[in-house]
């Protein structure tokens, strides 16, 4: 091996990290702009533990085991315990971990923004999410019309609101109920619906089937639907939000059903988060939202993959 060949990996890494420089600088400014927005809105920034004894048992989300428990898949359980003790407006940006998530939009270790607001519902968070992203874009010096992978996204208000039922009627080859009965809901979402969402306006896709409520409250007067929405920009899912379920018995029953489904599919059945369930008895009506920081950085920097907006991918370590 020639002496020069030893330096090739170093030069290659230097070139790669140099290419990411503009996106990383924009990301840093974006994170600061997010903090500024929530400070102005009266939110308290909090930090909760990454190592937890029990994640929320959800069928399609696999936690990373760690000594003494699991690495968090989301900070929501601890943040909701804070809500239950009187913290009315809180937010956090932190690292989360999920097994088996890797792709152009996925990393097994990623950064998430979550915020929770007492005495609010999911519709309130639609307006707040819209205002936050518009504020961050202004702080970054961007116009209301941004470019993302060949598409123009118009950030001006109002943003599009569309129900899941309407999305299936407009874009899917079969109705929502039929897709669910054939276990093709997720496939239809990814292949037929999501590519159309968030163009030219960001889209709030709302009112999910009750079976996909997870930790969400069901709609008063229509228990077949959950007060939940996801935000899309340029075909990319950015956020998941809902009005919080505060019924301890119902939440326990949902967790037990998910735990059983995990067992039936040969997955690890996590212990129930008992302290969270106890805290629900004191939690006020509230709404919460999780937004992917990496994906928002992708949108604002017009990056095609998540790899372009992080310092190191798992394969580069």
Foldseek 3Di string as FASTA:
>chain_A
DDPVVVCVVVVVLVVLLVLLVVLQVLLVLLVVLLVVLVVVVVAAEDDDDQFDAFEQQAQPWAFDADVNHTGYQDPPLVVLLVLLVPRFKYKYKDWGATPPFDDQETARIFIKIKMKGFPDWLVVVLVVVLVSLVSSCVSSVHDQWADAPHATAGSDDDAAEAEPQRQCVVWFPDGQVVCVVVVNNVVCCLPTRLQPAQPRYKYKYFWAALLPQLFFDADVPDNRTTQKTWIHHNSDTWKIKGWGDLDLVVNVVSSVVSLVVCVVVVHDRTDDPVVSSVSSPRRHGMMMMMGGSLVSSCRRVNNRGSCSNDSDGPVRD
